[in-house]
N, C-alpha and C. Protein backbone atom coordinates (compact mmCIF):
# COMPACT_ATOMS: atom_id res chain seq x y z
N MET A 1 -13.43 5.34 -14.60
CA MET A 1 -13.15 5.73 -13.09
C MET A 1 -12.34 4.09 -12.41
N ALA A 2 -12.33 3.73 -11.45
CA ALA A 2 -11.63 2.84 -11.04
C ALA A 2 -13.18 1.47 -10.47
N THR A 3 -12.27 0.33 -11.16
CA THR A 3 -13.12 -0.52 -11.08
C THR A 3 -12.74 -1.17 -9.60
N VAL A 4 -13.61 -1.80 -9.29
CA VAL A 4 -13.33 -2.50 -7.23
C VAL A 4 -13.45 -3.57 -7.91
N VAL A 5 -12.24 -4.73 -6.87
CA VAL A 5 -11.90 -5.41 -6.82
C VAL A 5 -12.53 -6.34 -5.81
N THR A 6 -13.57 -7.06 -6.46
CA THR A 6 -14.32 -7.45 -4.77
C THR A 6 -13.74 -9.19 -4.88
N ARG A 7 -13.78 -10.04 -3.48
CA ARG A 7 -13.30 -11.75 -3.98
C ARG A 7 -14.23 -12.57 -4.95
N ASP A 8 -15.26 -11.99 -4.71
CA ASP A 8 -15.94 -12.45 -5.95
C ASP A 8 -15.30 -12.72 -7.50
N VAL A 9 -15.07 -10.66 -7.74
CA VAL A 9 -14.42 -11.26 -8.70
C VAL A 9 -12.70 -12.49 -8.96
N LEU A 10 -11.90 -11.84 -8.05
CA LEU A 10 -11.57 -12.76 -7.96
C LEU A 10 -11.00 -14.51 -8.30
N ALA A 11 -12.56 -14.57 -6.81
CA ALA A 11 -12.93 -16.13 -7.60
C ALA A 11 -12.81 -16.43 -9.06
N LYS A 12 -13.54 -15.81 -9.76
CA LYS A 12 -13.41 -16.24 -11.03
C LYS A 12 -12.79 -15.25 -11.60
N GLN A 13 -11.72 -14.11 -11.34
CA GLN A 13 -9.95 -14.61 -12.73
C GLN A 13 -9.78 -15.33 -12.40
N LEU A 14 -9.87 -16.10 -11.05
CA LEU A 14 -8.94 -17.79 -10.43
C LEU A 14 -10.03 -18.15 -11.17
N ALA A 15 -10.52 -18.80 -11.23
CA ALA A 15 -11.43 -20.10 -11.73
C ALA A 15 -11.36 -20.33 -12.79
N ASP A 16 -11.37 -18.96 -14.18
CA ASP A 16 -10.52 -18.78 -15.43
C ASP A 16 -9.38 -19.87 -15.75
N ARG A 17 -8.61 -18.61 -15.40
CA ARG A 17 -6.75 -19.19 -14.76
C ARG A 17 -6.40 -20.36 -14.46
N ALA A 18 -6.70 -20.81 -13.33
CA ALA A 18 -6.82 -22.87 -12.67
C ALA A 18 -7.48 -23.82 -13.47
N GLU A 19 -7.87 -22.99 -14.27
CA GLU A 19 -9.76 -23.81 -15.70
C GLU A 19 -10.98 -24.63 -13.52
N ILE A 20 -10.50 -23.77 -12.75
CA ILE A 20 -10.81 -24.56 -11.56
C ILE A 20 -13.22 -24.57 -11.56
N THR A 21 -14.04 -24.96 -10.68
CA THR A 21 -15.79 -24.59 -11.43
C THR A 21 -14.97 -22.88 -10.09
N VAL A 22 -16.04 -21.86 -10.57
CA VAL A 22 -16.12 -20.70 -9.56
C VAL A 22 -16.27 -20.60 -7.40
N THR A 23 -16.59 -21.91 -7.44
CA THR A 23 -17.45 -22.41 -6.23
C THR A 23 -15.80 -23.16 -5.90
N ALA A 24 -15.18 -23.56 -6.35
CA ALA A 24 -13.48 -24.03 -5.66
C ALA A 24 -13.07 -23.08 -5.06
N ALA A 25 -12.53 -21.96 -6.29
CA ALA A 25 -11.74 -20.97 -6.52
C ALA A 25 -12.00 -19.34 -5.04
N ARG A 26 -14.02 -19.73 -5.20
CA ARG A 26 -14.59 -18.84 -3.91
C ARG A 26 -13.27 -19.64 -3.42
N ASP A 27 -13.45 -20.98 -2.94
CA ASP A 27 -13.56 -21.67 -1.34
C ASP A 27 -11.53 -21.57 -1.11
N GLU A 28 -10.47 -20.96 -2.53
CA GLU A 28 -9.42 -20.67 -2.23
C GLU A 28 -9.04 -19.60 -1.91
N VAL A 29 -9.74 -18.45 -2.38
CA VAL A 29 -9.73 -17.45 -2.04
C VAL A 29 -10.30 -16.84 -1.12
N ARG A 30 -11.55 -17.13 -0.28
CA ARG A 30 -11.38 -17.34 1.21
C ARG A 30 -10.63 -17.53 1.88
N TRP A 31 -10.54 -18.98 1.46
CA TRP A 31 -9.05 -19.42 2.57
C TRP A 31 -7.81 -19.16 2.72
N PHE A 32 -6.93 -17.80 1.46
CA PHE A 32 -6.48 -16.98 1.24
C PHE A 32 -6.41 -15.68 2.39
N PHE A 33 -7.83 -14.78 2.52
CA PHE A 33 -7.57 -13.77 3.31
C PHE A 33 -8.13 -14.70 4.67
N ASP A 34 -8.51 -15.94 4.98
CA ASP A 34 -8.61 -15.83 5.98
C ASP A 34 -7.08 -16.44 7.06
N THR A 35 -6.21 -16.99 6.42
CA THR A 35 -5.17 -17.23 6.08
C THR A 35 -4.14 -15.75 7.01
N ILE A 36 -4.43 -14.87 6.04
CA ILE A 36 -4.09 -13.36 6.84
C ILE A 36 -4.59 -13.12 7.88
N ALA A 37 -5.42 -13.16 7.83
CA ALA A 37 -6.41 -12.29 8.94
C ALA A 37 -5.85 -13.75 10.79
N GLN A 38 -5.53 -15.05 10.51
CA GLN A 38 -5.55 -15.17 11.57
C GLN A 38 -4.01 -15.67 11.66
N SER A 39 -3.49 -15.10 10.96
CA SER A 39 -1.65 -14.94 11.11
C SER A 39 -1.47 -13.75 12.09
N LEU A 40 -2.21 -12.54 11.18
CA LEU A 40 -2.55 -10.80 12.41
C LEU A 40 -2.89 -10.82 13.41
N GLU A 41 -4.00 -11.86 13.46
CA GLU A 41 -4.40 -12.24 15.74
C GLU A 41 -3.34 -12.91 15.55
N LYS A 42 -2.58 -14.01 15.09
CA LYS A 42 -1.31 -13.82 16.44
C LYS A 42 -0.08 -13.39 16.31
N GLY A 43 -0.75 -12.10 16.19
CA GLY A 43 0.52 -11.51 15.74
C GLY A 43 1.45 -11.05 14.92
N ASP A 44 1.02 -12.46 14.02
CA ASP A 44 2.44 -12.68 12.95
C ASP A 44 2.44 -11.21 11.83
N GLU A 45 4.35 -11.17 10.94
CA GLU A 45 3.51 -10.38 10.28
C GLU A 45 3.44 -11.19 8.58
N VAL A 46 2.96 -10.59 7.98
CA VAL A 46 2.43 -11.31 6.36
C VAL A 46 3.53 -10.92 5.50
N ARG A 47 4.47 -10.98 5.20
CA ARG A 47 5.02 -10.92 3.99
C ARG A 47 4.58 -11.03 2.42
N ILE A 48 4.76 -10.49 1.40
CA ILE A 48 4.20 -11.05 0.14
C ILE A 48 4.99 -9.63 -1.06
N HIS A 49 6.31 -10.96 -1.25
CA HIS A 49 6.89 -10.16 -2.39
C HIS A 49 6.07 -9.44 -2.77
N GLY A 50 6.95 -8.34 -3.35
CA GLY A 50 6.62 -6.84 -4.37
C GLY A 50 5.17 -6.99 -4.62
N PHE A 51 4.08 -6.40 -3.48
CA PHE A 51 3.21 -6.05 -2.76
C PHE A 51 2.75 -5.37 -2.03
N GLY A 52 4.16 -5.81 -0.39
CA GLY A 52 3.47 -5.35 0.32
C GLY A 52 3.25 -6.45 1.64
N ASN A 53 3.39 -5.96 3.19
CA ASN A 53 3.69 -6.68 4.16
C ASN A 53 1.99 -6.06 5.18
N PHE A 54 1.58 -6.86 5.33
CA PHE A 54 -0.06 -7.23 6.41
C PHE A 54 1.35 -6.78 7.90
N LYS A 55 0.91 -6.36 8.43
CA LYS A 55 1.28 -6.71 10.44
C LYS A 55 0.56 -5.68 10.87
N THR A 56 0.08 -6.26 12.47
CA THR A 56 -0.43 -4.95 13.36
C THR A 56 -0.02 -4.02 14.14
N ALA A 57 -0.68 -2.81 14.88
CA ALA A 57 -0.13 -1.67 15.05
C ALA A 57 -0.99 -1.76 16.79
N GLN A 58 0.65 -0.97 17.43
CA GLN A 58 -1.04 -0.59 18.93
C GLN A 58 -0.53 0.54 19.16
N ARG A 59 -1.79 1.01 19.84
CA ARG A 59 -1.07 2.47 20.27
C ARG A 59 -2.48 2.35 21.63
N ALA A 60 -1.02 2.57 22.64
CA ALA A 60 -1.12 2.26 23.94
C ALA A 60 -2.87 3.14 24.42
N ALA A 61 -3.26 2.53 25.57
CA ALA A 61 -3.88 3.45 26.21
C ALA A 61 -3.56 5.12 27.33
N ARG A 62 -4.69 6.68 26.75
CA ARG A 62 -3.36 7.15 26.86
C ARG A 62 -5.26 8.16 27.33
N LEU A 63 -5.08 9.03 27.95
CA LEU A 63 -5.68 10.22 28.68
C LEU A 63 -6.12 11.09 27.52
N GLY A 64 -6.92 10.78 27.54
CA GLY A 64 -7.80 12.32 26.55
C GLY A 64 -7.94 13.65 27.37
N ARG A 65 -8.82 14.43 26.03
CA ARG A 65 -9.47 15.54 26.67
C ARG A 65 -10.96 15.15 25.68
N ASN A 66 -11.92 15.72 26.09
CA ASN A 66 -13.07 16.45 25.64
C ASN A 66 -13.11 16.91 25.04
N PRO A 67 -13.15 18.10 23.19
CA PRO A 67 -12.40 19.34 22.66
C PRO A 67 -14.09 20.16 23.29
N ARG A 68 -15.12 19.69 23.72
CA ARG A 68 -16.10 20.59 24.44
C ARG A 68 -16.16 20.39 25.68
N THR A 69 -15.80 19.36 26.50
CA THR A 69 -16.07 19.77 27.72
C THR A 69 -14.62 20.64 28.32
N GLY A 70 -13.90 20.24 27.95
CA GLY A 70 -12.36 19.36 28.45
C GLY A 70 -12.04 18.64 29.60
N GLU A 71 -13.00 17.95 30.22
CA GLU A 71 -12.82 17.19 30.92
C GLU A 71 -11.31 15.70 30.65
N ALA A 72 -11.28 14.73 31.23
CA ALA A 72 -10.25 14.64 31.82
C ALA A 72 -10.63 12.83 31.02
N VAL A 73 -10.89 12.18 29.81
CA VAL A 73 -11.14 10.53 29.22
C VAL A 73 -10.12 9.79 29.26
N LYS A 74 -10.71 8.84 29.78
CA LYS A 74 -9.49 8.12 29.22
C LYS A 74 -10.37 7.02 27.91
N VAL A 75 -8.41 6.96 27.07
CA VAL A 75 -8.81 6.80 25.18
C VAL A 75 -8.12 5.05 25.20
N PRO A 76 -8.83 4.10 24.84
CA PRO A 76 -8.42 2.74 25.09
C PRO A 76 -7.33 2.67 24.82
N ALA A 77 -6.84 1.70 24.58
CA ALA A 77 -6.22 0.45 23.43
C ALA A 77 -6.12 0.90 22.50
N VAL A 78 -5.86 0.34 21.23
CA VAL A 78 -5.88 0.10 20.14
C VAL A 78 -5.21 -0.61 19.17
N GLU A 79 -5.19 -1.34 18.54
CA GLU A 79 -4.84 -2.21 17.76
C GLU A 79 -5.04 -2.31 16.34
N TRP A 80 -4.27 -2.53 14.94
CA TRP A 80 -5.30 -1.83 14.10
C TRP A 80 -4.88 -2.75 12.52
N CYS A 81 -4.45 -2.60 11.58
CA CYS A 81 -3.84 -3.66 10.88
C CYS A 81 -3.47 -2.18 9.82
N VAL A 82 -1.60 -2.47 9.57
CA VAL A 82 -1.18 -1.84 8.73
C VAL A 82 -1.06 -2.00 7.67
N PHE A 83 -0.06 -1.52 6.27
CA PHE A 83 -0.28 -2.16 5.67
C PHE A 83 0.49 -1.30 4.82
N PRO A 84 2.42 -1.97 5.08
CA PRO A 84 3.31 -0.50 3.94
C PRO A 84 3.26 -1.36 2.65
N ARG A 85 2.94 -1.43 1.88
CA ARG A 85 3.70 -1.29 0.22
C ARG A 85 4.62 -1.68 0.35
N ALA A 86 4.74 -2.76 -0.88
CA ALA A 86 6.19 -2.80 -1.27
C ALA A 86 7.11 -1.66 -2.78
N PRO A 87 7.67 -1.54 -2.35
CA PRO A 87 8.33 -0.72 -3.28
C PRO A 87 7.47 -0.41 -5.04
N ARG A 88 8.04 -0.97 -5.37
CA ARG A 88 7.00 -1.74 -6.91
C ARG A 88 5.58 -1.79 -7.07
N SER A 89 5.19 -1.75 -5.68
CA SER A 89 3.06 -1.39 -5.26
C SER A 89 3.27 -0.14 -5.56
N ARG A 90 3.99 0.90 -5.25
CA ARG A 90 3.79 1.64 -4.68
C ARG A 90 4.17 2.57 -6.08
N ALA A 91 5.34 2.34 -7.01
CA ALA A 91 5.09 2.98 -8.50
C ALA A 91 4.44 2.62 -9.03
N LEU A 92 3.38 1.45 -9.43
CA LEU A 92 2.59 1.52 -9.83
C LEU A 92 1.49 1.93 -9.02
N SER A 93 1.34 2.20 -8.07
CA SER A 93 -0.10 3.55 -7.76
C SER A 93 0.69 4.73 -8.66
N ARG A 94 1.97 5.94 -8.09
CA ARG A 94 2.79 7.08 -8.83
C ARG A 94 1.78 6.61 -10.39
N ALA A 95 2.40 5.62 -11.06
CA ALA A 95 1.88 5.89 -12.65
C ALA A 95 0.76 6.51 -13.10
N HIS A 96 0.01 5.15 -11.96
CA HIS A 96 -1.34 5.52 -12.48
C HIS A 96 -2.28 6.98 -12.01
N ALA A 97 -1.19 7.33 -11.26
CA ALA A 97 -2.00 9.43 -9.88
C ALA A 97 -1.88 9.65 -11.60
N ALA A 98 -0.58 9.35 -12.14
CA ALA A 98 0.64 10.50 -12.51
C ALA A 98 -0.67 10.71 -14.26
N HIS A 99 -1.35 9.31 -14.44
CA HIS A 99 -2.06 9.30 -15.32
C HIS A 99 -3.40 9.67 -15.39
N ALA A 100 -4.05 9.78 -13.93
CA ALA A 100 -4.89 10.42 -13.66
C ALA A 100 -5.33 11.98 -13.48
N GLY A 101 -4.15 12.74 -13.49
CA GLY A 101 -4.31 13.48 -14.60
C GLY A 101 -4.69 14.46 -12.80
N PRO A 102 -5.01 16.00 -12.40
CA PRO A 102 -5.46 16.83 -11.41
C PRO A 102 -6.44 16.63 -10.63
N GLY A 103 -6.91 16.38 -8.79
CA GLY A 103 -7.27 15.82 -8.49
C GLY A 103 -7.30 14.84 -8.09
N LEU A 104 -8.44 13.90 -7.75
CA LEU A 104 -8.20 12.47 -6.65
C LEU A 104 -7.80 11.98 -7.56
N ILE A 105 -7.65 10.88 -7.65
CA ILE A 105 -7.29 9.42 -8.96
C ILE A 105 -8.19 8.27 -8.46
N GLY A 106 -9.86 8.54 -9.40
CA GLY A 106 -10.42 7.86 -10.82
C GLY A 106 -11.62 8.80 -10.63
N GLN A 107 -11.15 9.91 -9.80
CA GLN A 107 -12.01 11.33 -10.41
C GLN A 107 -11.94 12.07 -12.03
N ALA A 108 -12.73 11.85 -11.98
CA ALA A 108 -12.55 13.02 -13.72
C ALA A 108 -12.42 14.27 -14.11
N SER A 109 -10.99 14.34 -14.48
CA SER A 109 -10.50 15.74 -14.99
C SER A 109 -11.88 16.83 -15.11
């Protein structure tokens, strides 16, 4: 089964690598993700070479239909975060999937 990497896991690894306290490492990890979030909120794109790009995408408001009644409903505009991965990151995912065998990634074969 795949391991889940959380902010705390990243902070502990950073603390070990940088030889700083876990508390200081947590602050740095929090700062990193907060910086990405703030940039996206301003409409900026965040590019991390070899990993991928964080950017926002928008879908305009539109008129939809309620599938049960057929009644027209207003669907509001939405904005979300998009993460196109870098080619190296995609290659690593494909390599992992090839070793996982049939079925879903991380699912026992």
